[in-house]
């Protein structure tokens, strides 16, 4: 995980309730995305997780937000993030294998 950094200039303070709601949304979407076959959706979710974790990091450093609920959501997001990355890797490997199979079938057909 990245080292803690102070809030960037111009970044507004966000309430803990808002951070909790955003984290919950990302957790739900992350579970749903594990079964999808869209790398674009997974990459967008990955970017959003990085953004929310950066924002939470800033808020914890500068606003003292560190409730047990927020900590649980951070832990869940991180675990889910690792699981989704594994899903992406599996999807990429599966697509490579399918492409290899198709090339072999073409060779057999063409002779």
PDB file of N, CA and C in Angstrom:
ATOM      1  N   UNK A   1       0.845  -1.167   0.000  1.00  0.00           N
ATOM      2  CA  UNK A   1       0.000   0.000   0.000  1.00  0.00           C
ATOM      3  C   UNK A   1       0.893   1.234   0.000  1.00  0.00           C
ATOM      4  N   UNK A   2       0.465   2.282  -0.657  1.00  0.00           N
ATOM      5  CA  UNK A   2       1.239   3.506  -0.771  1.00  0.00           C
ATOM      6  C   UNK A   2       1.403   4.162   0.596  1.00  0.00           C
ATOM      7  N   UNK A   3       2.486   4.926   0.732  1.00  0.00           N
ATOM      8  CA  UNK A   3       2.722   5.618   1.987  1.00  0.00           C
ATOM      9  C   UNK A   3       1.712   6.749   2.150  1.00  0.00           C
ATOM     10  N   UNK A   4       1.474   7.136   3.374  1.00  0.00           N
ATOM     11  CA  UNK A   4       0.502   8.180   3.656  1.00  0.00           C
ATOM     12  C   UNK A   4       1.004   9.521   3.152  1.00  0.00           C
ATOM     13  N   UNK A   5       0.139  10.246   2.486  1.00  0.00           N
ATOM     14  CA  UNK A   5       0.474  11.548   1.924  1.00  0.00           C
ATOM     15  C   UNK A   5      -0.540  12.568   2.429  1.00  0.00           C
ATOM     16  N   UNK A   6      -0.127  13.814   2.633  1.00  0.00           N
ATOM     17  CA  UNK A   6      -1.085  14.826   3.071  1.00  0.00           C
ATOM     18  C   UNK A   6      -2.063  15.180   1.951  1.00  0.00           C
ATOM     19  N   UNK A   7      -3.183  15.816   2.343  1.00  0.00           N
ATOM     20  CA  UNK A   7      -4.194  16.227   1.367  1.00  0.00           C
ATOM     21  C   UNK A   7      -3.552  17.180   0.371  1.00  0.00           C
ATOM     22  N   UNK A   8      -3.831  16.939  -0.891  1.00  0.00           N
ATOM     23  CA  UNK A   8      -3.325  17.807  -1.950  1.00  0.00           C
ATOM     24  C   UNK A   8      -4.062  19.134  -1.886  1.00  0.00           C
ATOM     25  N   UNK A   9      -3.388  20.169  -2.315  1.00  0.00           N
ATOM     26  CA  UNK A   9      -3.983  21.507  -2.306  1.00  0.00           C
ATOM     27  C   UNK A   9      -5.298  21.505  -3.079  1.00  0.00           C
ATOM     28  N   UNK A  10      -6.305  22.094  -2.502  1.00  0.00           N
ATOM     29  CA  UNK A  10      -7.584  22.216  -3.174  1.00  0.00           C
ATOM     30  C   UNK A  10      -8.501  21.016  -3.013  1.00  0.00           C
ATOM     31  N   UNK A  11      -8.048  19.974  -2.370  1.00  0.00           N
ATOM     32  CA  UNK A  11      -8.899  18.793  -2.192  1.00  0.00           C
ATOM     33  C   UNK A  11      -9.795  19.026  -0.983  1.00  0.00           C
ATOM     34  N   UNK A  12     -11.102  18.966  -1.174  1.00  0.00           N
ATOM     35  CA  UNK A  12     -12.025  19.261  -0.077  1.00  0.00           C
ATOM     36  C   UNK A  12     -12.071  18.139   0.962  1.00  0.00           C
ATOM     37  N   UNK A  13     -12.437  18.518   2.174  1.00  0.00           N
ATOM     38  CA  UNK A  13     -12.636  17.530   3.222  1.00  0.00           C
ATOM     39  C   UNK A  13     -13.995  16.874   2.965  1.00  0.00           C
ATOM     40  N   UNK A  14     -14.016  15.548   3.035  1.00  0.00           N
ATOM     41  CA  UNK A  14     -15.227  14.781   2.773  1.00  0.00           C
ATOM     42  C   UNK A  14     -15.664  14.144   4.074  1.00  0.00           C
ATOM     43  N   UNK A  15     -16.971  14.132   4.324  1.00  0.00           N
ATOM     44  CA  UNK A  15     -17.467  13.564   5.575  1.00  0.00           C
ATOM     45  C   UNK A  15     -17.227  12.056   5.610  1.00  0.00           C
ATOM     46  N   UNK A  16     -17.116  11.537   6.806  1.00  0.00           N
ATOM     47  CA  UNK A  16     -16.910  10.106   6.975  1.00  0.00           C
ATOM     48  C   UNK A  16     -18.096   9.316   6.433  1.00  0.00           C
ATOM     49  N   UNK A  17     -19.296   9.841   6.594  1.00  0.00           N
ATOM     50  CA  UNK A  17     -20.478   9.162   6.074  1.00  0.00           C
ATOM     51  C   UNK A  17     -20.401   9.022   4.554  1.00  0.00           C
ATOM     52  N   UNK A  18     -19.929  10.062   3.889  1.00  0.00           N
ATOM     53  CA  UNK A  18     -19.781  10.018   2.433  1.00  0.00           C
ATOM     54  C   UNK A  18     -18.736   8.980   2.042  1.00  0.00           C
ATOM     55  N   UNK A  19     -17.620   8.958   2.762  1.00  0.00           N
ATOM     56  CA  UNK A  19     -16.574   7.977   2.477  1.00  0.00           C
ATOM     57  C   UNK A  19     -17.077   6.556   2.700  1.00  0.00           C
ATOM     58  N   UNK A  20     -17.848   6.352   3.763  1.00  0.00           N
ATOM     59  CA  UNK A  20     -18.418   5.031   4.040  1.00  0.00           C
ATOM     60  C   UNK A  20     -19.361   4.602   2.917  1.00  0.00           C
ATOM     61  N   UNK A  21     -20.203   5.522   2.464  1.00  0.00           N
ATOM     62  CA  UNK A  21     -21.151   5.206   1.393  1.00  0.00           C
ATOM     63  C   UNK A  21     -20.418   4.877   0.096  1.00  0.00           C
ATOM     64  N   UNK A  22     -19.384   5.659  -0.227  1.00  0.00           N
ATOM     65  CA  UNK A  22     -18.623   5.405  -1.446  1.00  0.00           C
ATOM     66  C   UNK A  22     -17.881   4.068  -1.359  1.00  0.00           C
ATOM     67  N   UNK A  23     -17.309   3.783  -0.208  1.00  0.00           N
ATOM     68  CA  UNK A  23     -16.608   2.511  -0.029  1.00  0.00           C
ATOM     69  C   UNK A  23     -17.582   1.347  -0.147  1.00  0.00           C
ATOM     70  N   UNK A  24     -18.762   1.482   0.466  1.00  0.00           N
ATOM     71  CA  UNK A  24     -19.780   0.427   0.359  1.00  0.00           C
ATOM     72  C   UNK A  24     -20.160   0.177  -1.097  1.00  0.00           C
ATOM     73  N   UNK A  25     -20.363   1.250  -1.850  1.00  0.00           N
ATOM     74  CA  UNK A  25     -20.716   1.118  -3.261  1.00  0.00           C
ATOM     75  C   UNK A  25     -19.622   0.380  -4.032  1.00  0.00           C
ATOM     76  N   UNK A  26     -18.380   0.728  -3.777  1.00  0.00           N
ATOM     77  CA  UNK A  26     -17.271   0.071  -4.468  1.00  0.00           C
ATOM     78  C   UNK A  26     -17.151  -1.396  -4.078  1.00  0.00           C
ATOM     79  N   UNK A  27     -17.438  -1.706  -2.829  1.00  0.00           N
ATOM     80  CA  UNK A  27     -17.395  -3.098  -2.377  1.00  0.00           C
ATOM     81  C   UNK A  27     -18.460  -3.917  -3.107  1.00  0.00           C
ATOM     82  N   UNK A  28     -19.676  -3.394  -3.157  1.00  0.00           N
ATOM     83  CA  UNK A  28     -20.767  -4.098  -3.846  1.00  0.00           C
ATOM     84  C   UNK A  28     -20.417  -4.284  -5.317  1.00  0.00           C
ATOM     85  N   UNK A  29     -19.976  -3.220  -5.968  1.00  0.00           N
ATOM     86  CA  UNK A  29     -19.625  -3.317  -7.388  1.00  0.00           C
ATOM     87  C   UNK A  29     -18.455  -4.262  -7.616  1.00  0.00           C
ATOM     88  N   UNK A  30     -17.507  -4.289  -6.696  1.00  0.00           N
ATOM     89  CA  UNK A  30     -16.367  -5.185  -6.829  1.00  0.00           C
ATOM     90  C   UNK A  30     -16.778  -6.646  -6.801  1.00  0.00           C
ATOM     91  N   UNK A  31     -17.711  -6.990  -5.904  1.00  0.00           N
ATOM     92  CA  UNK A  31     -18.213  -8.365  -5.863  1.00  0.00           C
ATOM     93  C   UNK A  31     -18.924  -8.716  -7.158  1.00  0.00           C
ATOM     94  N   UNK A  32     -19.704  -7.773  -7.685  1.00  0.00           N
ATOM     95  CA  UNK A  32     -20.407  -8.016  -8.947  1.00  0.00           C
ATOM     96  C   UNK A  32     -19.439  -8.175 -10.106  1.00  0.00           C
ATOM     97  N   UNK A  33     -18.375  -7.400 -10.113  1.00  0.00           N
ATOM     98  CA  UNK A  33     -17.423  -7.417 -11.219  1.00  0.00           C
ATOM     99  C   UNK A  33     -16.597  -8.694 -11.282  1.00  0.00           C
ATOM    100  N   UNK A  34     -16.472  -9.404 -10.186  1.00  0.00           N
ATOM    101  CA  UNK A  34     -15.681 -10.635 -10.192  1.00  0.00           C
ATOM    102  C   UNK A  34     -16.240 -11.656 -11.171  1.00  0.00           C
ATOM    103  N   UNK A  35     -17.527 -11.584 -11.459  1.00  0.00           N
ATOM    104  CA  UNK A  35     -18.144 -12.547 -12.363  1.00  0.00           C
ATOM    105  C   UNK A  35     -18.271 -12.032 -13.790  1.00  0.00           C
ATOM    106  N   UNK A  36     -17.920 -10.782 -14.023  1.00  0.00           N
ATOM    107  CA  UNK A  36     -18.053 -10.211 -15.364  1.00  0.00           C
ATOM    108  C   UNK A  36     -16.844 -10.552 -16.224  1.00  0.00           C
ATOM    109  N   UNK A  37     -17.023 -10.391 -17.493  1.00  0.00           N
ATOM    110  CA  UNK A  37     -15.950 -10.672 -18.430  1.00  0.00           C
ATOM    111  C   UNK A  37     -15.420  -9.396 -19.074  1.00  0.00           C
ATOM    112  N   UNK A  38     -15.621  -8.258 -18.458  1.00  0.00           N
ATOM    113  CA  UNK A  38     -15.218  -6.984 -19.042  1.00  0.00           C
ATOM    114  C   UNK A  38     -14.008  -6.400 -18.326  1.00  0.00           C
ATOM    115  N   UNK A  39     -12.898  -6.388 -19.021  1.00  0.00           N
ATOM    116  CA  UNK A  39     -11.700  -5.785 -18.443  1.00  0.00           C
ATOM    117  C   UNK A  39     -11.872  -4.275 -18.282  1.00  0.00           C
ATOM    118  N   UNK A  40     -12.628  -3.651 -19.173  1.00  0.00           N
ATOM    119  CA  UNK A  40     -12.849  -2.209 -19.064  1.00  0.00           C
ATOM    120  C   UNK A  40     -13.573  -1.860 -17.764  1.00  0.00           C
ATOM    121  N   UNK A  41     -14.611  -2.629 -17.428  1.00  0.00           N
ATOM    122  CA  UNK A  41     -15.337  -2.389 -16.174  1.00  0.00           C
ATOM    123  C   UNK A  41     -14.423  -2.606 -14.972  1.00  0.00           C
ATOM    124  N   UNK A  42     -13.619  -3.655 -15.024  1.00  0.00           N
ATOM    125  CA  UNK A  42     -12.701  -3.930 -13.917  1.00  0.00           C
ATOM    126  C   UNK A  42     -11.655  -2.828 -13.785  1.00  0.00           C
ATOM    127  N   UNK A  43     -11.170  -2.319 -14.904  1.00  0.00           N
ATOM    128  CA  UNK A  43     -10.171  -1.252 -14.855  1.00  0.00           C
ATOM    129  C   UNK A  43     -10.762   0.043 -14.313  1.00  0.00           C
ATOM    130  N   UNK A  44     -12.010   0.352 -14.695  1.00  0.00           N
ATOM    131  CA  UNK A  44     -12.677   1.544 -14.156  1.00  0.00           C
ATOM    132  C   UNK A  44     -12.850   1.405 -12.645  1.00  0.00           C
ATOM    133  N   UNK A  45     -13.278   0.219 -12.207  1.00  0.00           N
ATOM    134  CA  UNK A  45     -13.464  -0.017 -10.777  1.00  0.00           C
ATOM    135  C   UNK A  45     -12.122   0.121 -10.057  1.00  0.00           C
ATOM    136  N   UNK A  46     -11.073  -0.411 -10.642  1.00  0.00           N
ATOM    137  CA  UNK A  46      -9.730  -0.315 -10.073  1.00  0.00           C
ATOM    138  C   UNK A  46      -9.345   1.151  -9.877  1.00  0.00           C
ATOM    139  N   UNK A  47      -9.594   1.986 -10.882  1.00  0.00           N
ATOM    140  CA  UNK A  47      -9.284   3.411 -10.768  1.00  0.00           C
ATOM    141  C   UNK A  47     -10.092   4.064  -9.644  1.00  0.00           C
ATOM    142  N   UNK A  48     -11.361   3.703  -9.541  1.00  0.00           N
ATOM    143  CA  UNK A  48     -12.215   4.281  -8.502  1.00  0.00           C
ATOM    144  C   UNK A  48     -11.763   3.844  -7.109  1.00  0.00           C
ATOM    145  N   UNK A  49     -11.341   2.591  -6.968  1.00  0.00           N
ATOM    146  CA  UNK A  49     -10.838   2.126  -5.666  1.00  0.00           C
ATOM    147  C   UNK A  49      -9.579   2.904  -5.297  1.00  0.00           C
ATOM    148  N   UNK A  50      -8.688   3.076  -6.248  1.00  0.00           N
ATOM    149  CA  UNK A  50      -7.476   3.847  -5.974  1.00  0.00           C
ATOM    150  C   UNK A  50      -7.819   5.272  -5.542  1.00  0.00           C
ATOM    151  N   UNK A  51      -8.805   5.884  -6.211  1.00  0.00           N
ATOM    152  CA  UNK A  51      -9.207   7.252  -5.862  1.00  0.00           C
ATOM    153  C   UNK A  51      -9.785   7.325  -4.454  1.00  0.00           C
ATOM    154  N   UNK A  52     -10.697   6.399  -4.122  1.00  0.00           N
ATOM    155  CA  UNK A  52     -11.335   6.460  -2.803  1.00  0.00           C
ATOM    156  C   UNK A  52     -10.328   6.157  -1.699  1.00  0.00           C
ATOM    157  N   UNK A  53      -9.415   5.218  -1.934  1.00  0.00           N
ATOM    158  CA  UNK A  53      -8.412   4.922  -0.913  1.00  0.00           C
ATOM    159  C   UNK A  53      -7.467   6.098  -0.716  1.00  0.00           C
ATOM    160  N   UNK A  54      -7.145   6.799  -1.784  1.00  0.00           N
ATOM    161  CA  UNK A  54      -6.319   7.995  -1.676  1.00  0.00           C
ATOM    162  C   UNK A  54      -7.045   9.074  -0.873  1.00  0.00           C
ATOM    163  N   UNK A  55      -8.335   9.247  -1.160  1.00  0.00           N
ATOM    164  CA  UNK A  55      -9.125  10.228  -0.437  1.00  0.00           C
ATOM    165  C   UNK A  55      -9.248   9.854   1.040  1.00  0.00           C
ATOM    166  N   UNK A  56      -9.524   8.598   1.318  1.00  0.00           N
ATOM    167  CA  UNK A  56      -9.608   8.146   2.714  1.00  0.00           C
ATOM    168  C   UNK A  56      -8.266   8.361   3.409  1.00  0.00           C
ATOM    169  N   UNK A  57      -7.192   8.038   2.729  1.00  0.00           N
ATOM    170  CA  UNK A  57      -5.853   8.236   3.271  1.00  0.00           C
ATOM    171  C   UNK A  57      -5.649   9.701   3.663  1.00  0.00           C
ATOM    172  N   UNK A  58      -6.017  10.610   2.763  1.00  0.00           N
ATOM    173  CA  UNK A  58      -5.890  12.030   3.056  1.00  0.00           C
ATOM    174  C   UNK A  58      -6.735  12.435   4.251  1.00  0.00           C
ATOM    175  N   UNK A  59      -7.963  11.944   4.302  1.00  0.00           N
ATOM    176  CA  UNK A  59      -8.875  12.311   5.374  1.00  0.00           C
ATOM    177  C   UNK A  59      -8.394  11.783   6.726  1.00  0.00           C
ATOM    178  N   UNK A  60      -7.864  10.567   6.726  1.00  0.00           N
ATOM    179  CA  UNK A  60      -7.366   9.990   7.980  1.00  0.00           C
ATOM    180  C   UNK A  60      -6.198  10.815   8.499  1.00  0.00           C
ATOM    181  N   UNK A  61      -5.323  11.221   7.604  1.00  0.00           N
ATOM    182  CA  UNK A  61      -4.167  12.017   8.014  1.00  0.00           C
ATOM    183  C   UNK A  61      -4.541  13.395   8.516  1.00  0.00           C
ATOM    184  N   UNK A  62      -5.465  14.043   7.840  1.00  0.00           N
ATOM    185  CA  UNK A  62      -5.724  15.452   8.108  1.00  0.00           C
ATOM    186  C   UNK A  62      -6.991  15.749   8.885  1.00  0.00           C
ATOM    187  N   UNK A  63      -7.937  14.850   8.882  1.00  0.00           N
ATOM    188  CA  UNK A  63      -9.189  15.116   9.589  1.00  0.00           C
ATOM    189  C   UNK A  63      -9.401  14.145  10.748  1.00  0.00           C
ATOM    190  N   UNK A  64      -8.487  13.211  10.920  1.00  0.00           N
ATOM    191  CA  UNK A  64      -8.570  12.291  12.033  1.00  0.00           C
ATOM    192  C   UNK A  64      -9.664  11.245  11.913  1.00  0.00           C
ATOM    193  N   UNK A  65     -10.142  11.003  10.712  1.00  0.00           N
ATOM    194  CA  UNK A  65     -11.177   9.977  10.530  1.00  0.00           C
ATOM    195  C   UNK A  65     -10.545   8.599  10.675  1.00  0.00           C
ATOM    196  N   UNK A  66     -11.045   7.836  11.602  1.00  0.00           N
ATOM    197  CA  UNK A  66     -10.500   6.492  11.781  1.00  0.00           C
ATOM    198  C   UNK A  66     -11.476   5.616  12.557  1.00  0.00           C
ATOM    199  N   UNK A  67     -12.741   5.699  12.218  1.00  0.00           N
ATOM    200  CA  UNK A  67     -13.739   4.910  12.923  1.00  0.00           C
ATOM    201  C   UNK A  67     -13.566   3.434  12.594  1.00  0.00           C
ATOM    202  N   UNK A  68     -14.050   2.551  13.474  1.00  0.00           N
ATOM    203  CA  UNK A  68     -13.982   1.115  13.189  1.00  0.00           C
ATOM    204  C   UNK A  68     -14.701   0.747  11.893  1.00  0.00           C
ATOM    205  N   UNK A  69     -15.835   1.409  11.613  1.00  0.00           N
ATOM    206  CA  UNK A  69     -16.566   1.125  10.382  1.00  0.00           C
ATOM    207  C   UNK A  69     -15.753   1.452   9.141  1.00  0.00           C
ATOM    208  N   UNK A  70     -15.076   2.571   9.154  1.00  0.00           N
ATOM    209  CA  UNK A  70     -14.244   2.966   8.024  1.00  0.00           C
ATOM    210  C   UNK A  70     -13.060   2.020   7.875  1.00  0.00           C
ATOM    211  N   UNK A  71     -12.476   1.629   8.983  1.00  0.00           N
ATOM    212  CA  UNK A  71     -11.349   0.684   8.937  1.00  0.00           C
ATOM    213  C   UNK A  71     -11.792  -0.658   8.344  1.00  0.00           C
ATOM    214  N   UNK A  72     -12.981  -1.134   8.735  1.00  0.00           N
ATOM    215  CA  UNK A  72     -13.490  -2.404   8.184  1.00  0.00           C
ATOM    216  C   UNK A  72     -13.697  -2.305   6.676  1.00  0.00           C
ATOM    217  N   UNK A  73     -14.220  -1.185   6.227  1.00  0.00           N
ATOM    218  CA  UNK A  73     -14.452  -1.026   4.795  1.00  0.00           C
ATOM    219  C   UNK A  73     -13.141  -0.946   4.019  1.00  0.00           C
ATOM    220  N   UNK A  74     -12.147  -0.294   4.603  1.00  0.00           N
ATOM    221  CA  UNK A  74     -10.836  -0.244   3.954  1.00  0.00           C
ATOM    222  C   UNK A  74     -10.273  -1.651   3.831  1.00  0.00           C
ATOM    223  N   UNK A  75     -10.343  -2.423   4.905  1.00  0.00           N
ATOM    224  CA  UNK A  75      -9.845  -3.808   4.867  1.00  0.00           C
ATOM    225  C   UNK A  75     -10.592  -4.628   3.830  1.00  0.00           C
ATOM    226  N   UNK A  76     -11.910  -4.481   3.793  1.00  0.00           N
ATOM    227  CA  UNK A  76     -12.722  -5.227   2.824  1.00  0.00           C
ATOM    228  C   UNK A  76     -12.364  -4.813   1.401  1.00  0.00           C
ATOM    229  N   UNK A  77     -12.227  -3.511   1.176  1.00  0.00           N
ATOM    230  CA  UNK A  77     -11.865  -3.034  -0.160  1.00  0.00           C
ATOM    231  C   UNK A  77     -10.512  -3.587  -0.595  1.00  0.00           C
ATOM    232  N   UNK A  78      -9.555  -3.598   0.316  1.00  0.00           N
ATOM    233  CA  UNK A  78      -8.226  -4.100  -0.031  1.00  0.00           C
ATOM    234  C   UNK A  78      -8.259  -5.594  -0.351  1.00  0.00           C
ATOM    235  N   UNK A  79      -8.988  -6.366   0.435  1.00  0.00           N
ATOM    236  CA  UNK A  79      -9.103  -7.805   0.168  1.00  0.00           C
ATOM    237  C   UNK A  79      -9.807  -8.042  -1.164  1.00  0.00           C
ATOM    238  N   UNK A  80     -10.874  -7.293  -1.401  1.00  0.00           N
ATOM    239  CA  UNK A  80     -11.619  -7.421  -2.641  1.00  0.00           C
ATOM    240  C   UNK A  80     -10.769  -6.985  -3.828  1.00  0.00           C
ATOM    241  N   UNK A  81      -9.992  -5.947  -3.639  1.00  0.00           N
ATOM    242  CA  UNK A  81      -9.097  -5.446  -4.679  1.00  0.00           C
ATOM    243  C   UNK A  81      -8.136  -6.545  -5.132  1.00  0.00           C
ATOM    244  N   UNK A  82      -7.557  -7.250  -4.175  1.00  0.00           N
ATOM    245  CA  UNK A  82      -6.640  -8.350  -4.495  1.00  0.00           C
ATOM    246  C   UNK A  82      -7.385  -9.459  -5.234  1.00  0.00           C
ATOM    247  N   UNK A  83      -8.595  -9.767  -4.790  1.00  0.00           N
ATOM    248  CA  UNK A  83      -9.389 -10.809  -5.446  1.00  0.00           C
ATOM    249  C   UNK A  83      -9.750 -10.416  -6.877  1.00  0.00           C
ATOM    250  N   UNK A  84     -10.102  -9.160  -7.076  1.00  0.00           N
ATOM    251  CA  UNK A  84     -10.457  -8.700  -8.416  1.00  0.00           C
ATOM    252  C   UNK A  84      -9.228  -8.722  -9.324  1.00  0.00           C
ATOM    253  N   UNK A  85      -8.080  -8.339  -8.797  1.00  0.00           N
ATOM    254  CA  UNK A  85      -6.855  -8.417  -9.599  1.00  0.00           C
ATOM    255  C   UNK A  85      -6.571  -9.855 -10.022  1.00  0.00           C
ATOM    256  N   UNK A  86      -6.837 -10.792  -9.134  1.00  0.00           N
ATOM    257  CA  UNK A  86      -6.671 -12.208  -9.485  1.00  0.00           C
ATOM    258  C   UNK A  86      -7.666 -12.596 -10.577  1.00  0.00           C
ATOM    259  N   UNK A  87      -8.892 -12.093 -10.499  1.00  0.00           N
ATOM    260  CA  UNK A  87      -9.895 -12.364 -11.531  1.00  0.00           C
ATOM    261  C   UNK A  87      -9.458 -11.805 -12.877  1.00  0.00           C
ATOM    262  N   UNK A  88      -8.894 -10.612 -12.861  1.00  0.00           N
ATOM    263  CA  UNK A  88      -8.394 -10.000 -14.098  1.00  0.00           C
ATOM    264  C   UNK A  88      -7.291 -10.859 -14.694  1.00  0.00           C
ATOM    265  N   UNK A  89      -6.399 -11.310 -13.855  1.00  0.00           N
ATOM    266  CA  UNK A  89      -5.304 -12.155 -14.328  1.00  0.00           C
ATOM    267  C   UNK A  89      -5.832 -13.451 -14.941  1.00  0.00           C
ATOM    268  N   UNK A  90      -6.790 -14.072 -14.277  1.00  0.00           N
ATOM    269  CA  UNK A  90      -7.392 -15.303 -14.799  1.00  0.00           C
ATOM    270  C   UNK A  90      -8.087 -15.051 -16.127  1.00  0.00           C
ATOM    271  N   UNK A  91      -8.787 -13.943 -16.231  1.00  0.00           N
ATOM    272  CA  UNK A  91      -9.484 -13.602 -17.461  1.00  0.00           C
ATOM    273  C   UNK A  91      -8.485 -13.401 -18.602  1.00  0.00           C
ATOM    274  N   UNK A  92      -7.400 -12.703 -18.311  1.00  0.00           N
ATOM    275  CA  UNK A  92      -6.390 -12.480 -19.337  1.00  0.00           C
ATOM    276  C   UNK A  92      -5.760 -13.807 -19.776  1.00  0.00           C
ATOM    277  N   UNK A  93      -5.465 -14.688 -18.831  1.00  0.00           N
ATOM    278  CA  UNK A  93      -4.883 -15.988 -19.168  1.00  0.00           C
ATOM    279  C   UNK A  93      -5.860 -16.829 -19.986  1.00  0.00           C
ATOM    280  N   UNK A  94      -7.124 -16.775 -19.627  1.00  0.00           N
ATOM    281  CA  UNK A  94      -8.149 -17.513 -20.357  1.00  0.00           C
ATOM    282  C   UNK A  94      -8.247 -17.023 -21.793  1.00  0.00           C
ATOM    283  N   UNK A  95      -8.211 -15.722 -21.971  1.00  0.00           N
ATOM    284  CA  UNK A  95      -8.283 -15.159 -23.324  1.00  0.00           C
ATOM    285  C   UNK A  95      -7.045 -15.526 -24.143  1.00  0.00           C
ATOM    286  N   UNK A  96      -5.893 -15.553 -23.504  1.00  0.00           N
ATOM    287  CA  UNK A  96      -4.676 -15.972 -24.208  1.00  0.00           C
ATOM    288  C   UNK A  96      -4.797 -17.417 -24.652  1.00  0.00           C
ATOM    289  N   UNK A  97      -5.291 -18.257 -23.775  1.00  0.00           N
ATOM    290  CA  UNK A  97      -5.456 -19.676 -24.104  1.00  0.00           C
ATOM    291  C   UNK A  97      -6.451 -19.851 -25.246  1.00  0.00           C
ATOM    292  N   UNK A  98      -7.536 -19.098 -25.226  1.00  0.00           N
ATOM    293  CA  UNK A  98      -8.522 -19.176 -26.304  1.00  0.00           C
ATOM    294  C   UNK A  98      -7.912 -18.731 -27.631  1.00  0.00           C
ATOM    295  N   UNK A  99      -7.127 -17.677 -27.604  1.00  0.00           N
ATOM    296  CA  UNK A  99      -6.484 -17.192 -28.828  1.00  0.00           C
ATOM    297  C   UNK A  99      -5.506 -18.237 -29.366  1.00  0.00           C
ATOM    298  N   UNK A 100      -4.761 -18.885 -28.482  1.00  0.00           N
ATOM    299  CA  UNK A 100      -3.836 -19.935 -28.894  1.00  0.00           C
ATOM    300  C   UNK A 100      -4.597 -21.099 -29.510  1.00  0.00           C
ATOM    301  N   UNK A 101      -5.682 -21.504 -28.900  1.00  0.00           N
ATOM    302  CA  UNK A 101      -6.514 -22.593 -29.446  1.00  0.00           C
ATOM    303  C   UNK A 101      -7.048 -22.244 -30.835  1.00  0.00           C
ATOM    304  N   UNK A 102      -7.500 -21.018 -31.000  1.00  0.00           N
ATOM    305  CA  UNK A 102      -8.025 -20.598 -32.303  1.00  0.00           C
ATOM    306  C   UNK A 102      -6.932 -20.627 -33.373  1.00  0.00           C
ATOM    307  N   UNK A 103      -5.731 -20.181 -33.017  1.00  0.00           N
ATOM    308  CA  UNK A 103      -4.618 -20.228 -33.982  1.00  0.00           C
ATOM    309  C   UNK A 103      -4.302 -21.660 -34.383  1.00  0.00           C
ATOM    310  N   UNK A 104      -4.297 -22.555 -33.406  1.00  0.00           N
ATOM    311  CA  UNK A 104      -4.022 -23.969 -33.706  1.00  0.00           C
ATOM    312  C   UNK A 104      -5.110 -24.571 -34.593  1.00  0.00           C
ATOM    313  N   UNK A 105      -6.350 -24.229 -34.329  1.00  0.00           N
ATOM    314  CA  UNK A 105      -7.456 -24.740 -35.149  1.00  0.00           C
ATOM    315  C   UNK A 105      -7.346 -24.220 -36.587  1.00  0.00           C
ATOM    316  N   UNK A 106      -6.968 -22.952 -36.742  1.00  0.00           N
ATOM    317  CA  UNK A 106      -6.789 -22.390 -38.083  1.00  0.00           C
ATOM    318  C   UNK A 106      -5.687 -23.121 -38.838  1.00  0.00           C
ATOM    319  N   UNK A 107      -4.599 -23.407 -38.140  1.00  0.00           N
ATOM    320  CA  UNK A 107      -3.489 -24.111 -38.771  1.00  0.00           C
ATOM    321  C   UNK A 107      -3.926 -25.495 -39.246  1.00  0.00           C
ATOM    322  N   UNK A 108      -4.714 -26.160 -38.409  1.00  0.00           N
ATOM    323  CA  UNK A 108      -5.185 -27.496 -38.771  1.00  0.00           C
ATOM    324  C   UNK A 108      -6.119 -27.413 -39.981  1.00  0.00           C
ATOM    325  N   UNK A 109      -6.968 -26.409 -40.031  1.00  0.00           N
ATOM    326  CA  UNK A 109      -7.909 -26.258 -41.135  1.00  0.00           C
ATOM    327  C   UNK A 109      -7.174 -25.901 -42.423  1.00  0.00           C
ATOM    328  N   UNK A 110      -6.257 -24.952 -42.317  1.00  0.00           N
ATOM    329  CA  UNK A 110      -5.513 -24.489 -43.489  1.00  0.00           C
ATOM    330  C   UNK A 110      -4.542 -25.569 -43.963  1.00  0.00           C
ATOM    331  N   UNK A 111      -3.996 -26.302 -43.043  1.00  0.00           N
ATOM    332  CA  UNK A 111      -3.135 -27.423 -43.377  1.00  0.00           C
ATOM    333  C   UNK A 111      -1.749 -27.028 -43.432  1.00  0.00           C
TER     334      UNK A 111
END
